[in-house]
Amino acid sequence: MSETTIFIVGVIVFAITIYGAVMAGGIALTRAEIEQNPRRERGFADEDLKKRFPFRGRY
């Protein structure tokens, strides 16, 4: 293999590794936040679900 090919493969492996670490960290932090926050743990109230979304953009 040429040096360029080895470099490109290394960059791809590095990017996948970093992406995986960031995703795993985000999932772990989200799980911890849900477990520690009693409001999120119970779910949402029916009145919260019926409220209108505040975004007033046009499509």
PDB file of N, CA and C in Angstrom:
ATOM      1  N   MET A   1       0.837  -1.177   0.000  1.00  0.00           N
ATOM      2  CA  MET A   1       0.000   0.000   0.000  1.00  0.00           C
ATOM      3  C   MET A   1       0.886   1.247   0.000  1.00  0.00           C
ATOM      4  N   SER A   2       0.372   2.245  -0.648  1.00  0.00           N
ATOM      5  CA  SER A   2       1.135   3.485  -0.663  1.00  0.00           C
ATOM      6  C   SER A   2       0.881   4.257   0.625  1.00  0.00           C
ATOM      7  N   GLU A   3       1.712   5.240   0.860  1.00  0.00           N
ATOM      8  CA  GLU A   3       1.581   6.039   2.072  1.00  0.00           C
ATOM      9  C   GLU A   3       0.271   6.828   2.088  1.00  0.00           C
ATOM     10  N   THR A   4      -0.158   7.269   0.928  1.00  0.00           N
ATOM     11  CA  THR A   4      -1.395   8.029   0.843  1.00  0.00           C
ATOM     12  C   THR A   4      -2.586   7.161   1.220  1.00  0.00           C
ATOM     13  N   THR A   5      -2.620   5.930   0.756  1.00  0.00           N
ATOM     14  CA  THR A   5      -3.711   5.015   1.074  1.00  0.00           C
ATOM     15  C   THR A   5      -3.751   4.727   2.563  1.00  0.00           C
ATOM     16  N   ILE A   6      -2.612   4.477   3.163  1.00  0.00           N
ATOM     17  CA  ILE A   6      -2.545   4.216   4.603  1.00  0.00           C
ATOM     18  C   ILE A   6      -3.020   5.435   5.380  1.00  0.00           C
ATOM     19  N   PHE A   7      -2.637   6.634   4.932  1.00  0.00           N
ATOM     20  CA  PHE A   7      -3.058   7.860   5.593  1.00  0.00           C
ATOM     21  C   PHE A   7      -4.575   8.030   5.515  1.00  0.00           C
ATOM     22  N   ILE A   8      -5.150   7.809   4.347  1.00  0.00           N
ATOM     23  CA  ILE A   8      -6.595   7.966   4.170  1.00  0.00           C
ATOM     24  C   ILE A   8      -7.362   6.963   5.026  1.00  0.00           C
ATOM     25  N   VAL A   9      -6.911   5.719   5.053  1.00  0.00           N
ATOM     26  CA  VAL A   9      -7.561   4.701   5.890  1.00  0.00           C
ATOM     27  C   VAL A   9      -7.451   5.094   7.361  1.00  0.00           C
ATOM     28  N   GLY A  10      -6.304   5.595   7.769  1.00  0.00           N
ATOM     29  CA  GLY A  10      -6.113   6.035   9.156  1.00  0.00           C
ATOM     30  C   GLY A  10      -7.037   7.180   9.528  1.00  0.00           C
ATOM     31  N   VAL A  11      -7.202   8.137   8.631  1.00  0.00           N
ATOM     32  CA  VAL A  11      -8.096   9.265   8.889  1.00  0.00           C
ATOM     33  C   VAL A  11      -9.538   8.784   9.017  1.00  0.00           C
ATOM     34  N   ILE A  12      -9.942   7.872   8.168  1.00  0.00           N
ATOM     35  CA  ILE A  12     -11.307   7.341   8.227  1.00  0.00           C
ATOM     36  C   ILE A  12     -11.537   6.590   9.539  1.00  0.00           C
ATOM     37  N   VAL A  13     -10.598   5.753   9.936  1.00  0.00           N
ATOM     38  CA  VAL A  13     -10.727   5.009  11.193  1.00  0.00           C
ATOM     39  C   VAL A  13     -10.766   5.984  12.372  1.00  0.00           C
ATOM     40  N   PHE A  14      -9.934   7.007  12.337  1.00  0.00           N
ATOM     41  CA  PHE A  14      -9.912   8.010  13.396  1.00  0.00           C
ATOM     42  C   PHE A  14     -11.254   8.729  13.477  1.00  0.00           C
ATOM     43  N   ALA A  15     -11.811   9.131  12.346  1.00  0.00           N
ATOM     44  CA  ALA A  15     -13.087   9.847  12.321  1.00  0.00           C
ATOM     45  C   ALA A  15     -14.213   8.974  12.871  1.00  0.00           C
ATOM     46  N   ILE A  16     -14.242   7.707  12.482  1.00  0.00           N
ATOM     47  CA  ILE A  16     -15.275   6.795  12.980  1.00  0.00           C
ATOM     48  C   ILE A  16     -15.127   6.601  14.490  1.00  0.00           C
ATOM     49  N   THR A  17     -13.913   6.505  14.978  1.00  0.00           N
ATOM     50  CA  THR A  17     -13.666   6.329  16.411  1.00  0.00           C
ATOM     51  C   THR A  17     -14.128   7.552  17.193  1.00  0.00           C
ATOM     52  N   ILE A  18     -13.783   8.733  16.738  1.00  0.00           N
ATOM     53  CA  ILE A  18     -14.193   9.958  17.422  1.00  0.00           C
ATOM     54  C   ILE A  18     -15.712  10.092  17.381  1.00  0.00           C
ATOM     55  N   TYR A  19     -16.315   9.831  16.230  1.00  0.00           N
ATOM     56  CA  TYR A  19     -17.773   9.910  16.104  1.00  0.00           C
ATOM     57  C   TYR A  19     -18.447   8.953  17.088  1.00  0.00           C
ATOM     58  N   GLY A  20     -17.952   7.743  17.183  1.00  0.00           N
ATOM     59  CA  GLY A  20     -18.512   6.754  18.106  1.00  0.00           C
ATOM     60  C   GLY A  20     -18.370   7.181  19.561  1.00  0.00           C
ATOM     61  N   ALA A  21     -17.229   7.759  19.909  1.00  0.00           N
ATOM     62  CA  ALA A  21     -17.020   8.210  21.289  1.00  0.00           C
ATOM     63  C   ALA A  21     -17.958   9.365  21.629  1.00  0.00           C
ATOM     64  N   VAL A  22     -18.141  10.288  20.713  1.00  0.00           N
ATOM     65  CA  VAL A  22     -19.036  11.422  20.949  1.00  0.00           C
ATOM     66  C   VAL A  22     -20.485  10.943  21.079  1.00  0.00           C
ATOM     67  N   MET A  23     -20.896  10.031  20.218  1.00  0.00           N
ATOM     68  CA  MET A  23     -22.265   9.508  20.289  1.00  0.00           C
ATOM     69  C   MET A  23     -22.490   8.753  21.598  1.00  0.00           C
ATOM     70  N   ALA A  24     -21.543   7.930  22.000  1.00  0.00           N
ATOM     71  CA  ALA A  24     -21.684   7.176  23.249  1.00  0.00           C
ATOM     72  C   ALA A  24     -21.746   8.121  24.443  1.00  0.00           C
ATOM     73  N   GLY A  25     -20.933   9.157  24.436  1.00  0.00           N
ATOM     74  CA  GLY A  25     -20.966  10.140  25.521  1.00  0.00           C
ATOM     75  C   GLY A  25     -22.289  10.876  25.571  1.00  0.00           C
ATOM     76  N   GLY A  26     -22.815  11.247  24.421  1.00  0.00           N
ATOM     77  CA  GLY A  26     -24.107  11.934  24.376  1.00  0.00           C
ATOM     78  C   GLY A  26     -25.235  11.068  24.882  1.00  0.00           C
ATOM     79  N   ILE A  27     -25.216   9.808  24.515  1.00  0.00           N
ATOM     80  CA  ILE A  27     -26.256   8.883  24.986  1.00  0.00           C
ATOM     81  C   ILE A  27     -26.156   8.694  26.494  1.00  0.00           C
ATOM     82  N   ALA A  28     -24.936   8.573  27.008  1.00  0.00           N
ATOM     83  CA  ALA A  28     -24.746   8.397  28.447  1.00  0.00           C
ATOM     84  C   ALA A  28     -25.205   9.633  29.218  1.00  0.00           C
ATOM     85  N   LEU A  29     -24.880  10.827  28.717  1.00  0.00           N
ATOM     86  CA  LEU A  29     -25.291  12.053  29.398  1.00  0.00           C
ATOM     87  C   LEU A  29     -26.803  12.230  29.355  1.00  0.00           C
ATOM     88  N   THR A  30     -27.417  11.895  28.233  1.00  0.00           N
ATOM     89  CA  THR A  30     -28.869  12.015  28.128  1.00  0.00           C
ATOM     90  C   THR A  30     -29.553  11.057  29.085  1.00  0.00           C
ATOM     91  N   ARG A  31     -29.065   9.845  29.163  1.00  0.00           N
ATOM     92  CA  ARG A  31     -29.648   8.863  30.079  1.00  0.00           C
ATOM     93  C   ARG A  31     -29.524   9.344  31.528  1.00  0.00           C
ATOM     94  N   ALA A  32     -28.351   9.890  31.897  1.00  0.00           N
ATOM     95  CA  ALA A  32     -28.149  10.389  33.254  1.00  0.00           C
ATOM     96  C   ALA A  32     -29.070  11.570  33.542  1.00  0.00           C
ATOM     97  N   GLU A  33     -29.258  12.453  32.565  1.00  0.00           N
ATOM     98  CA  GLU A  33     -30.138  13.603  32.758  1.00  0.00           C
ATOM     99  C   GLU A  33     -31.580  13.156  32.965  1.00  0.00           C
ATOM    100  N   ILE A  34     -32.028  12.193  32.202  1.00  0.00           N
ATOM    101  CA  ILE A  34     -33.399  11.695  32.341  1.00  0.00           C
ATOM    102  C   ILE A  34     -33.592  11.030  33.703  1.00  0.00           C
ATOM    103  N   GLU A  35     -32.598  10.290  34.160  1.00  0.00           N
ATOM    104  CA  GLU A  35     -32.716   9.609  35.449  1.00  0.00           C
ATOM    105  C   GLU A  35     -32.693  10.588  36.609  1.00  0.00           C
ATOM    106  N   GLN A  36     -31.975  11.711  36.479  1.00  0.00           N
ATOM    107  CA  GLN A  36     -31.845  12.649  37.585  1.00  0.00           C
ATOM    108  C   GLN A  36     -32.939  13.715  37.603  1.00  0.00           C
ATOM    109  N   ASN A  37     -33.620  13.937  36.515  1.00  0.00           N
ATOM    110  CA  ASN A  37     -34.623  14.981  36.436  1.00  0.00           C
ATOM    111  C   ASN A  37     -36.009  14.361  36.616  1.00  0.00           C
ATOM    112  N   PRO A  38     -36.669  14.603  37.745  1.00  0.00           N
ATOM    113  CA  PRO A  38     -37.958  13.944  37.991  1.00  0.00           C
ATOM    114  C   PRO A  38     -39.046  14.377  37.008  1.00  0.00           C
ATOM    115  N   ARG A  39     -38.965  15.586  36.481  1.00  0.00           N
ATOM    116  CA  ARG A  39     -39.998  16.027  35.528  1.00  0.00           C
ATOM    117  C   ARG A  39     -39.914  15.212  34.236  1.00  0.00           C
ATOM    118  N   ARG A  40     -38.712  14.948  33.778  1.00  0.00           N
ATOM    119  CA  ARG A  40     -38.554  14.158  32.557  1.00  0.00           C
ATOM    120  C   ARG A  40     -38.878  12.697  32.800  1.00  0.00           C
ATOM    121  N   GLU A  41     -38.643  12.234  33.988  1.00  0.00           N
ATOM    122  CA  GLU A  41     -38.871  10.834  34.305  1.00  0.00           C
ATOM    123  C   GLU A  41     -40.364  10.487  34.250  1.00  0.00           C
ATOM    124  N   ARG A  42     -41.217  11.409  34.675  1.00  0.00           N
ATOM    125  CA  ARG A  42     -42.652  11.152  34.699  1.00  0.00           C
ATOM    126  C   ARG A  42     -43.282  11.238  33.320  1.00  0.00           C
ATOM    127  N   GLY A  43     -42.639  11.927  32.409  1.00  0.00           N
ATOM    128  CA  GLY A  43     -43.234  12.129  31.095  1.00  0.00           C
ATOM    129  C   GLY A  43     -43.791  13.534  30.987  1.00  0.00           C
ATOM    130  N   PHE A  44     -44.692  13.736  30.085  1.00  0.00           N
ATOM    131  CA  PHE A  44     -45.255  15.050  29.848  1.00  0.00           C
ATOM    132  C   PHE A  44     -46.722  15.061  30.241  1.00  0.00           C
ATOM    133  N   ALA A  45     -47.156  16.197  30.722  1.00  0.00           N
ATOM    134  CA  ALA A  45     -48.568  16.365  31.061  1.00  0.00           C
ATOM    135  C   ALA A  45     -49.365  16.543  29.774  1.00  0.00           C
ATOM    136  N   ASP A  46     -50.645  16.158  29.830  1.00  0.00           N
ATOM    137  CA  ASP A  46     -51.504  16.289  28.653  1.00  0.00           C
ATOM    138  C   ASP A  46     -51.630  17.737  28.205  1.00  0.00           C
ATOM    139  N   GLU A  47     -51.656  18.662  29.166  1.00  0.00           N
ATOM    140  CA  GLU A  47     -51.787  20.078  28.804  1.00  0.00           C
ATOM    141  C   GLU A  47     -50.552  20.591  28.063  1.00  0.00           C
ATOM    142  N   ASP A  48     -49.374  20.037  28.400  1.00  0.00           N
ATOM    143  CA  ASP A  48     -48.159  20.430  27.676  1.00  0.00           C
ATOM    144  C   ASP A  48     -48.188  19.949  26.231  1.00  0.00           C
ATOM    145  N   LEU A  49     -48.762  18.792  26.021  1.00  0.00           N
ATOM    146  CA  LEU A  49     -48.821  18.249  24.673  1.00  0.00           C
ATOM    147  C   LEU A  49     -49.821  18.990  23.791  1.00  0.00           C
ATOM    148  N   LYS A  50     -50.834  19.589  24.403  1.00  0.00           N
ATOM    149  CA  LYS A  50     -51.855  20.289  23.633  1.00  0.00           C
ATOM    150  C   LYS A  50     -51.481  21.728  23.308  1.00  0.00           C
ATOM    151  N   LYS A  51     -50.416  22.248  23.935  1.00  0.00           N
ATOM    152  CA  LYS A  51     -49.993  23.625  23.680  1.00  0.00           C
ATOM    153  C   LYS A  51     -49.487  23.763  22.251  1.00  0.00           C
ATOM    154  N   ARG A  52     -49.680  24.937  21.717  1.00  0.00           N
ATOM    155  CA  ARG A  52     -49.232  25.213  20.357  1.00  0.00           C
ATOM    156  C   ARG A  52     -47.721  25.413  20.338  1.00  0.00           C
ATOM    157  N   PHE A  53     -47.105  24.939  19.302  1.00  0.00           N
ATOM    158  CA  PHE A  53     -45.664  25.108  19.135  1.00  0.00           C
ATOM    159  C   PHE A  53     -45.370  26.586  18.897  1.00  0.00           C
ATOM    160  N   PRO A  54     -44.396  27.194  19.604  1.00  0.00           N
ATOM    161  CA  PRO A  54     -44.187  28.635  19.511  1.00  0.00           C
ATOM    162  C   PRO A  54     -43.564  29.114  18.195  1.00  0.00           C
ATOM    163  N   PHE A  55     -43.090  28.231  17.372  1.00  0.00           N
ATOM    164  CA  PHE A  55     -42.446  28.626  16.121  1.00  0.00           C
ATOM    165  C   PHE A  55     -43.505  29.070  15.112  1.00  0.00           C
ATOM    166  N   ARG A  56     -43.323  30.240  14.530  1.00  0.00           N
ATOM    167  CA  ARG A  56     -44.310  30.773  13.617  1.00  0.00           C
ATOM    168  C   ARG A  56     -43.750  30.923  12.203  1.00  0.00           C
ATOM    169  N   GLY A  57     -42.943  29.995  11.768  1.00  0.00           N
ATOM    170  CA  GLY A  57     -42.355  30.068  10.427  1.00  0.00           C
ATOM    171  C   GLY A  57     -43.327  29.641   9.341  1.00  0.00           C
ATOM    172  N   ARG A  58     -43.045  30.070   8.134  1.00  0.00           N
ATOM    173  CA  ARG A  58     -43.867  29.664   7.000  1.00  0.00           C
ATOM    174  C   ARG A  58     -43.113  28.602   6.206  1.00  0.00           C
ATOM    175  N   TYR A  59     -43.845  27.701   5.672  1.00  0.00           N
ATOM    176  CA  TYR A  59     -43.227  26.618   4.906  1.00  0.00           C
ATOM    177  C   TYR A  59     -43.354  26.877   3.427  1.00  0.00           C
TER     178      TYR A  59
END
